[in-house]
N, C-alpha and C. Protein backbone atom coordinates (compact mmCIF):
# COMPACT_ATOMS: atom_id res chain seq x y z
N UNK A 1 0.81 -0.94 0.07
CA UNK A 1 0.33 0.05 0.25
C UNK A 1 0.64 1.07 -0.12
N UNK A 2 1.59 1.29 -0.89
CA UNK A 2 2.88 2.16 -0.95
C UNK A 2 2.13 3.47 -1.95
N UNK A 3 2.30 4.44 -1.47
CA UNK A 3 1.62 5.88 -2.41
C UNK A 3 2.57 7.06 -1.95
N UNK A 4 3.57 7.24 -3.07
CA UNK A 4 4.14 8.33 -3.80
C UNK A 4 3.51 9.28 -3.57
N UNK A 5 3.88 10.67 -2.94
CA UNK A 5 3.30 11.32 -2.86
C UNK A 5 4.38 13.00 -3.28
N UNK A 6 3.96 14.20 -3.60
CA UNK A 6 5.01 15.48 -3.42
C UNK A 6 5.60 15.80 -2.28
N UNK A 7 6.63 16.44 -2.48
CA UNK A 7 7.02 16.78 -1.11
C UNK A 7 6.47 18.08 -0.74
N UNK A 8 5.38 18.49 -1.38
CA UNK A 8 4.79 19.92 -0.92
C UNK A 8 3.42 18.98 -0.17
N UNK A 9 2.77 17.92 -0.66
CA UNK A 9 1.94 17.42 -0.23
C UNK A 9 2.41 17.03 1.59
N UNK A 10 3.58 16.21 1.53
CA UNK A 10 4.48 15.33 2.61
C UNK A 10 4.65 16.42 3.78
N UNK A 11 4.62 17.95 3.51
CA UNK A 11 5.43 18.66 4.07
C UNK A 11 3.86 19.75 4.65
N UNK A 12 2.55 19.67 3.82
CA UNK A 12 1.63 20.49 4.21
C UNK A 12 0.79 19.18 5.15
N UNK A 13 0.95 17.82 5.04
CA UNK A 13 0.18 16.86 6.09
C UNK A 13 1.32 17.00 7.11
N UNK A 14 2.61 17.35 7.20
CA UNK A 14 3.33 17.48 8.56
C UNK A 14 2.94 19.12 9.30
N UNK A 15 2.59 19.79 8.68
CA UNK A 15 2.64 21.47 8.96
C UNK A 15 4.44 21.51 8.84
N UNK A 16 4.61 21.16 7.52
CA UNK A 16 6.29 22.22 8.38
C UNK A 16 6.18 22.40 6.50
N UNK A 17 7.99 23.06 6.55
CA UNK A 17 7.86 24.23 5.23
C UNK A 17 8.56 22.75 3.94
N UNK A 18 8.41 23.04 2.89
CA UNK A 18 8.88 22.20 1.83
C UNK A 18 10.33 22.50 2.05
N UNK A 19 10.70 23.51 2.33
CA UNK A 19 12.30 23.54 1.91
C UNK A 19 13.20 22.81 2.84
N UNK A 20 12.53 22.92 4.14
CA UNK A 20 13.46 21.83 4.99
C UNK A 20 13.14 20.18 4.83
N UNK A 21 12.36 19.92 4.75
CA UNK A 21 12.05 18.36 4.22
C UNK A 21 12.73 18.32 2.67
N UNK A 22 13.12 19.15 1.72
CA UNK A 22 13.65 19.09 0.75
C UNK A 22 15.30 19.09 1.07
N UNK A 23 15.31 19.89 2.00
CA UNK A 23 17.15 19.73 2.44
C UNK A 23 16.98 18.03 3.49
N UNK A 24 16.56 17.53 3.94
CA UNK A 24 16.41 16.14 4.71
C UNK A 24 16.17 15.51 3.54
N UNK A 25 15.50 15.45 2.43
CA UNK A 25 15.63 14.12 1.50
C UNK A 25 17.05 14.44 0.82
N UNK A 26 17.89 15.64 0.29
CA UNK A 26 18.94 15.77 -0.02
C UNK A 26 19.86 15.17 1.22
N UNK A 27 19.81 15.21 2.10
CA UNK A 27 21.08 14.96 3.36
C UNK A 27 20.81 13.63 3.88
N UNK A 28 19.50 12.44 2.98
CA UNK A 28 19.63 11.10 3.34
C UNK A 28 18.40 11.06 4.91
N UNK A 29 18.07 11.85 4.83
CA UNK A 29 17.07 11.76 6.39
C UNK A 29 16.25 10.95 6.02
N UNK A 30 15.01 10.31 5.09
CA UNK A 30 14.41 9.49 4.62
C UNK A 30 14.83 8.16 3.78
N UNK A 31 14.17 7.18 4.31
CA UNK A 31 14.05 5.83 3.96
C UNK A 31 13.61 5.90 2.58
N UNK A 32 12.36 6.78 1.77
CA UNK A 32 11.15 6.26 0.90
C UNK A 32 11.16 7.29 0.53
N UNK A 33 12.17 8.41 0.54
CA UNK A 33 12.59 10.11 -0.41
C UNK A 33 13.05 9.49 -1.50
N UNK A 34 12.94 9.69 -3.13
CA UNK A 34 13.07 9.48 -3.94
C UNK A 34 13.53 10.39 -5.01
N UNK A 35 14.03 10.51 -6.25
CA UNK A 35 13.89 11.71 -6.59
C UNK A 35 13.65 10.87 -8.31
N UNK A 36 12.87 11.71 -8.78
CA UNK A 36 12.18 11.56 -10.29
C UNK A 36 11.97 12.35 -11.64
N UNK A 37 13.42 12.72 -11.97
CA UNK A 37 13.40 13.61 -12.62
C UNK A 37 14.15 15.00 -11.78
N UNK A 38 13.39 15.80 -12.28
CA UNK A 38 13.27 16.79 -11.09
C UNK A 38 13.09 17.17 -9.72
N UNK A 39 12.06 16.19 -9.78
CA UNK A 39 10.69 16.38 -8.35
C UNK A 39 11.27 15.10 -7.35
N UNK A 40 11.01 15.58 -5.78
CA UNK A 40 11.20 14.68 -4.88
C UNK A 40 9.98 13.97 -4.71
N UNK A 41 10.16 12.82 -4.69
CA UNK A 41 8.66 12.00 -3.94
C UNK A 41 8.57 11.21 -2.57
N UNK A 42 7.94 11.07 -2.28
CA UNK A 42 8.44 10.32 -0.36
C UNK A 42 6.90 9.59 -0.35
N UNK A 43 7.42 8.45 -0.08
CA UNK A 43 5.75 7.62 0.71
C UNK A 43 5.14 8.66 1.91
N UNK A 44 3.75 8.05 1.51
CA UNK A 44 2.62 9.09 2.85
C UNK A 44 3.19 8.73 3.73
N UNK A 45 3.16 7.37 4.16
CA UNK A 45 3.37 6.69 5.14
C UNK A 45 4.49 6.92 6.23
N UNK A 46 5.83 7.02 5.61
CA UNK A 46 6.67 7.95 6.07
C UNK A 46 6.76 8.79 7.68
N UNK A 47 7.35 8.47 8.37
CA UNK A 47 7.23 8.90 9.32
C UNK A 47 7.94 10.72 9.75
N UNK A 48 7.55 11.42 10.01
CA UNK A 48 8.87 12.45 10.46
C UNK A 48 9.14 12.64 11.49
N UNK A 49 10.59 11.89 11.80
CA UNK A 49 11.60 11.98 13.16
C UNK A 49 12.43 13.23 13.30
N UNK A 50 12.78 13.86 14.39
CA UNK A 50 13.02 15.14 14.06
C UNK A 50 14.58 14.52 14.91
N UNK A 51 15.53 14.55 14.66
CA UNK A 51 16.67 14.23 15.25
C UNK A 51 17.83 15.21 15.61
N UNK A 52 16.73 16.70 16.22
CA UNK A 52 17.42 17.05 17.58
C UNK A 52 17.65 16.82 18.87
N UNK A 53 18.82 17.10 19.05
CA UNK A 53 19.19 16.98 20.48
C UNK A 53 18.00 17.62 21.24
N UNK A 54 17.42 17.10 22.33
CA UNK A 54 16.38 18.17 23.12
C UNK A 54 16.84 17.41 24.35
N UNK A 55 17.90 16.83 25.51
CA UNK A 55 18.21 16.35 26.66
C UNK A 55 18.76 17.42 27.03
N UNK A 56 19.61 18.68 25.99
CA UNK A 56 20.36 19.77 26.81
C UNK A 56 21.59 18.88 27.09
N UNK A 57 22.22 18.51 26.34
CA UNK A 57 23.63 17.31 26.38
C UNK A 57 24.73 18.67 26.29
N UNK A 58 24.27 19.28 25.14
CA UNK A 58 25.24 20.24 24.72
C UNK A 58 25.19 21.59 25.38
N UNK A 59 24.18 21.76 26.24
CA UNK A 59 23.85 23.18 26.53
C UNK A 59 25.13 23.60 27.66
N UNK A 60 25.87 24.89 27.34
CA UNK A 60 26.57 25.56 28.17
C UNK A 60 28.09 25.20 27.76
N UNK A 61 28.19 24.10 26.47
CA UNK A 61 29.47 23.65 25.98
C UNK A 61 30.82 24.79 25.79
N UNK A 62 30.08 25.95 25.85
CA UNK A 62 31.69 26.62 25.78
C UNK A 62 32.31 27.32 26.73
N UNK A 63 30.91 27.28 28.10
CA UNK A 63 31.81 27.82 29.12
C UNK A 63 32.46 26.37 30.24
N UNK A 64 32.09 25.39 29.38
CA UNK A 64 32.91 24.24 30.52
C UNK A 64 34.87 24.43 30.04
N UNK A 65 35.17 24.20 31.26
CA UNK A 65 36.41 24.21 31.20
C UNK A 65 37.01 23.36 30.20
N UNK A 66 38.15 24.50 29.61
CA UNK A 66 38.59 23.79 28.76
C UNK A 66 40.20 23.01 28.95
N UNK A 67 40.65 21.93 28.23
CA UNK A 67 42.29 21.60 28.72
C UNK A 67 43.13 21.56 28.22
């Protein structure tokens, strides 16, 4: 039941900007994204996963003592 949709439709489904979704495709952030000619398509069922660090692990890293 794979249905390929355009990045514009995918971005609208997830409430994101098309440019950000396209950048993630170029960087290999999606498993099902593929380029057909000049257009990107993606499986409509692919989840949008945010890879940003939200744990605070890098917080104040500049202030930590340098050795």
